[in-house]
Amino acid sequence: MKNVEMKLEENILTIKVDLTKEFGPSASGKTIIIASTEGNISVPDKDEIKIGLNVYKKK
C-alpha cells in the first residue's frame, strides 16, 4: 500500500490518507497518484471483506 492506513474498531473501518503526498503519474499518465492499496486487499482482521482504493488528482 502507498500512503494508506486502515484501522478497524468494532465494525467501523477508518481509512487515513495524507493528501499532501504524491507518488508520480498513473500508468496512463493522465493523473497523479496520491494513495493506493495497489489492488484489492483484505480489511484488517476481516479476510472475507476486501477493499480496493485509489486516490488521485488530475495532472
N, C-alpha and C. Protein backbone atom coordinates (compact mmCIF):
# COMPACT_ATOMS: atom_id res chain seq x y z
N MET A 1 0.84 -1.19 0.00
CA MET A 1 0.00 0.00 0.00
C MET A 1 0.88 1.24 0.00
N LYS A 2 0.38 2.27 -0.62
CA LYS A 2 1.07 3.56 -0.65
C LYS A 2 0.19 4.60 0.04
N ASN A 3 0.66 5.14 1.16
CA ASN A 3 0.00 6.26 1.82
C ASN A 3 -1.42 5.94 2.27
N VAL A 4 -1.67 4.72 2.69
CA VAL A 4 -2.99 4.31 3.17
C VAL A 4 -2.82 3.61 4.52
N GLU A 5 -3.55 4.09 5.52
CA GLU A 5 -3.61 3.42 6.81
C GLU A 5 -5.05 3.03 7.07
N MET A 6 -5.26 1.79 7.48
CA MET A 6 -6.60 1.32 7.80
C MET A 6 -6.64 0.83 9.23
N LYS A 7 -7.75 1.15 9.91
CA LYS A 7 -7.93 0.71 11.29
C LYS A 7 -9.37 0.23 11.45
N LEU A 8 -9.53 -0.93 12.05
CA LEU A 8 -10.86 -1.49 12.29
C LEU A 8 -11.11 -1.49 13.79
N GLU A 9 -12.15 -0.77 14.20
CA GLU A 9 -12.57 -0.74 15.60
C GLU A 9 -14.03 -1.18 15.65
N GLU A 10 -14.24 -2.34 16.30
CA GLU A 10 -15.55 -2.97 16.30
C GLU A 10 -15.92 -3.23 14.84
N ASN A 11 -16.95 -2.61 14.31
CA ASN A 11 -17.32 -2.80 12.91
C ASN A 11 -17.17 -1.52 12.10
N ILE A 12 -16.31 -0.61 12.55
CA ILE A 12 -16.08 0.65 11.85
C ILE A 12 -14.66 0.64 11.26
N LEU A 13 -14.58 0.75 9.93
CA LEU A 13 -13.29 0.83 9.24
C LEU A 13 -12.95 2.29 9.01
N THR A 14 -11.78 2.71 9.48
CA THR A 14 -11.30 4.07 9.27
C THR A 14 -10.10 4.01 8.33
N ILE A 15 -10.15 4.85 7.29
CA ILE A 15 -9.07 4.92 6.30
C ILE A 15 -8.43 6.29 6.40
N LYS A 16 -7.10 6.30 6.51
CA LYS A 16 -6.36 7.55 6.66
C LYS A 16 -5.42 7.72 5.47
N VAL A 17 -5.51 8.88 4.77
CA VAL A 17 -4.67 9.19 3.61
C VAL A 17 -4.15 10.60 3.77
N ASP A 18 -2.84 10.79 3.59
CA ASP A 18 -2.24 12.12 3.62
C ASP A 18 -2.35 12.72 2.23
N LEU A 19 -3.21 13.72 2.05
CA LEU A 19 -3.47 14.29 0.74
C LEU A 19 -2.35 15.19 0.23
N THR A 20 -1.32 15.43 1.04
CA THR A 20 -0.19 16.24 0.59
C THR A 20 0.88 15.42 -0.13
N LYS A 21 0.80 14.11 -0.06
CA LYS A 21 1.81 13.24 -0.69
C LYS A 21 1.45 12.95 -2.14
N GLU A 22 2.47 12.72 -2.96
CA GLU A 22 2.29 12.33 -4.35
C GLU A 22 3.28 11.22 -4.68
N PHE A 23 2.87 10.28 -5.54
CA PHE A 23 3.71 9.15 -5.91
C PHE A 23 3.93 9.08 -7.41
N GLY A 24 3.81 10.20 -8.09
CA GLY A 24 4.08 10.24 -9.53
C GLY A 24 2.85 9.94 -10.36
N PRO A 25 3.06 9.89 -11.68
CA PRO A 25 1.94 9.70 -12.59
C PRO A 25 1.39 8.27 -12.58
N SER A 26 0.12 8.17 -12.94
CA SER A 26 -0.51 6.85 -13.10
C SER A 26 0.05 6.19 -14.36
N ALA A 27 -0.34 4.96 -14.59
CA ALA A 27 0.13 4.23 -15.77
C ALA A 27 -0.26 4.93 -17.07
N SER A 28 -1.44 5.54 -17.08
CA SER A 28 -1.90 6.24 -18.28
C SER A 28 -1.23 7.61 -18.43
N GLY A 29 -0.71 8.14 -17.32
CA GLY A 29 -0.08 9.45 -17.35
C GLY A 29 -1.05 10.61 -17.24
N LYS A 30 -2.33 10.31 -17.07
CA LYS A 30 -3.34 11.37 -17.01
C LYS A 30 -3.55 11.92 -15.61
N THR A 31 -3.14 11.17 -14.60
CA THR A 31 -3.36 11.59 -13.21
C THR A 31 -2.10 11.39 -12.38
N ILE A 32 -2.09 12.05 -11.21
CA ILE A 32 -1.01 11.90 -10.24
C ILE A 32 -1.55 11.06 -9.08
N ILE A 33 -0.85 10.00 -8.73
CA ILE A 33 -1.29 9.11 -7.65
C ILE A 33 -0.96 9.74 -6.29
N ILE A 34 -1.96 9.78 -5.42
CA ILE A 34 -1.80 10.27 -4.05
C ILE A 34 -1.74 9.11 -3.07
N ALA A 35 -2.58 8.09 -3.29
CA ALA A 35 -2.60 6.91 -2.42
C ALA A 35 -3.22 5.75 -3.17
N SER A 36 -2.82 4.53 -2.79
CA SER A 36 -3.39 3.35 -3.42
C SER A 36 -3.18 2.11 -2.55
N THR A 37 -4.15 1.22 -2.59
CA THR A 37 -3.96 -0.09 -1.97
C THR A 37 -3.24 -1.02 -2.94
N GLU A 38 -3.02 -0.56 -4.17
CA GLU A 38 -2.35 -1.33 -5.22
C GLU A 38 -3.06 -2.65 -5.48
N GLY A 39 -4.36 -2.56 -5.68
CA GLY A 39 -5.19 -3.74 -5.92
C GLY A 39 -6.13 -3.96 -4.75
N ASN A 40 -6.83 -5.07 -4.79
CA ASN A 40 -7.78 -5.40 -3.73
C ASN A 40 -7.05 -6.13 -2.61
N ILE A 41 -7.30 -5.70 -1.38
CA ILE A 41 -6.68 -6.31 -0.21
C ILE A 41 -7.74 -6.57 0.85
N SER A 42 -7.41 -7.40 1.81
CA SER A 42 -8.34 -7.71 2.90
C SER A 42 -8.37 -6.58 3.92
N VAL A 43 -9.55 -6.35 4.45
CA VAL A 43 -9.71 -5.41 5.57
C VAL A 43 -9.04 -6.05 6.80
N PRO A 44 -8.34 -5.27 7.62
CA PRO A 44 -7.68 -5.85 8.80
C PRO A 44 -8.62 -6.70 9.65
N ASP A 45 -8.22 -7.91 9.95
CA ASP A 45 -8.96 -8.86 10.78
C ASP A 45 -10.28 -9.32 10.18
N LYS A 46 -10.50 -9.05 8.90
CA LYS A 46 -11.73 -9.49 8.20
C LYS A 46 -11.34 -10.00 6.82
N ASP A 47 -10.71 -11.15 6.76
CA ASP A 47 -10.19 -11.67 5.49
C ASP A 47 -11.26 -11.82 4.41
N GLU A 48 -12.51 -12.00 4.80
CA GLU A 48 -13.57 -12.20 3.82
C GLU A 48 -14.05 -10.89 3.19
N ILE A 49 -13.62 -9.74 3.74
CA ILE A 49 -14.01 -8.43 3.22
C ILE A 49 -12.80 -7.80 2.55
N LYS A 50 -12.99 -7.35 1.31
CA LYS A 50 -11.91 -6.77 0.52
C LYS A 50 -12.16 -5.28 0.26
N ILE A 51 -11.05 -4.57 0.01
CA ILE A 51 -11.14 -3.15 -0.34
C ILE A 51 -10.11 -2.86 -1.41
N GLY A 52 -10.47 -2.01 -2.35
CA GLY A 52 -9.55 -1.50 -3.36
C GLY A 52 -9.71 0.00 -3.40
N LEU A 53 -8.62 0.73 -3.17
CA LEU A 53 -8.71 2.19 -3.06
C LEU A 53 -7.65 2.85 -3.93
N ASN A 54 -8.06 3.85 -4.69
CA ASN A 54 -7.15 4.72 -5.43
C ASN A 54 -7.55 6.16 -5.18
N VAL A 55 -6.58 6.99 -4.79
CA VAL A 55 -6.80 8.42 -4.60
C VAL A 55 -5.85 9.12 -5.56
N TYR A 56 -6.39 10.01 -6.39
CA TYR A 56 -5.56 10.66 -7.40
C TYR A 56 -6.11 12.03 -7.74
N LYS A 57 -5.29 12.82 -8.47
CA LYS A 57 -5.74 14.13 -8.94
C LYS A 57 -5.33 14.30 -10.39
N LYS A 58 -5.99 15.20 -11.08
CA LYS A 58 -5.65 15.47 -12.47
C LYS A 58 -4.25 16.04 -12.57
N LYS A 59 -3.58 15.71 -13.63
CA LYS A 59 -2.22 16.17 -13.85
C LYS A 59 -2.18 17.64 -14.19
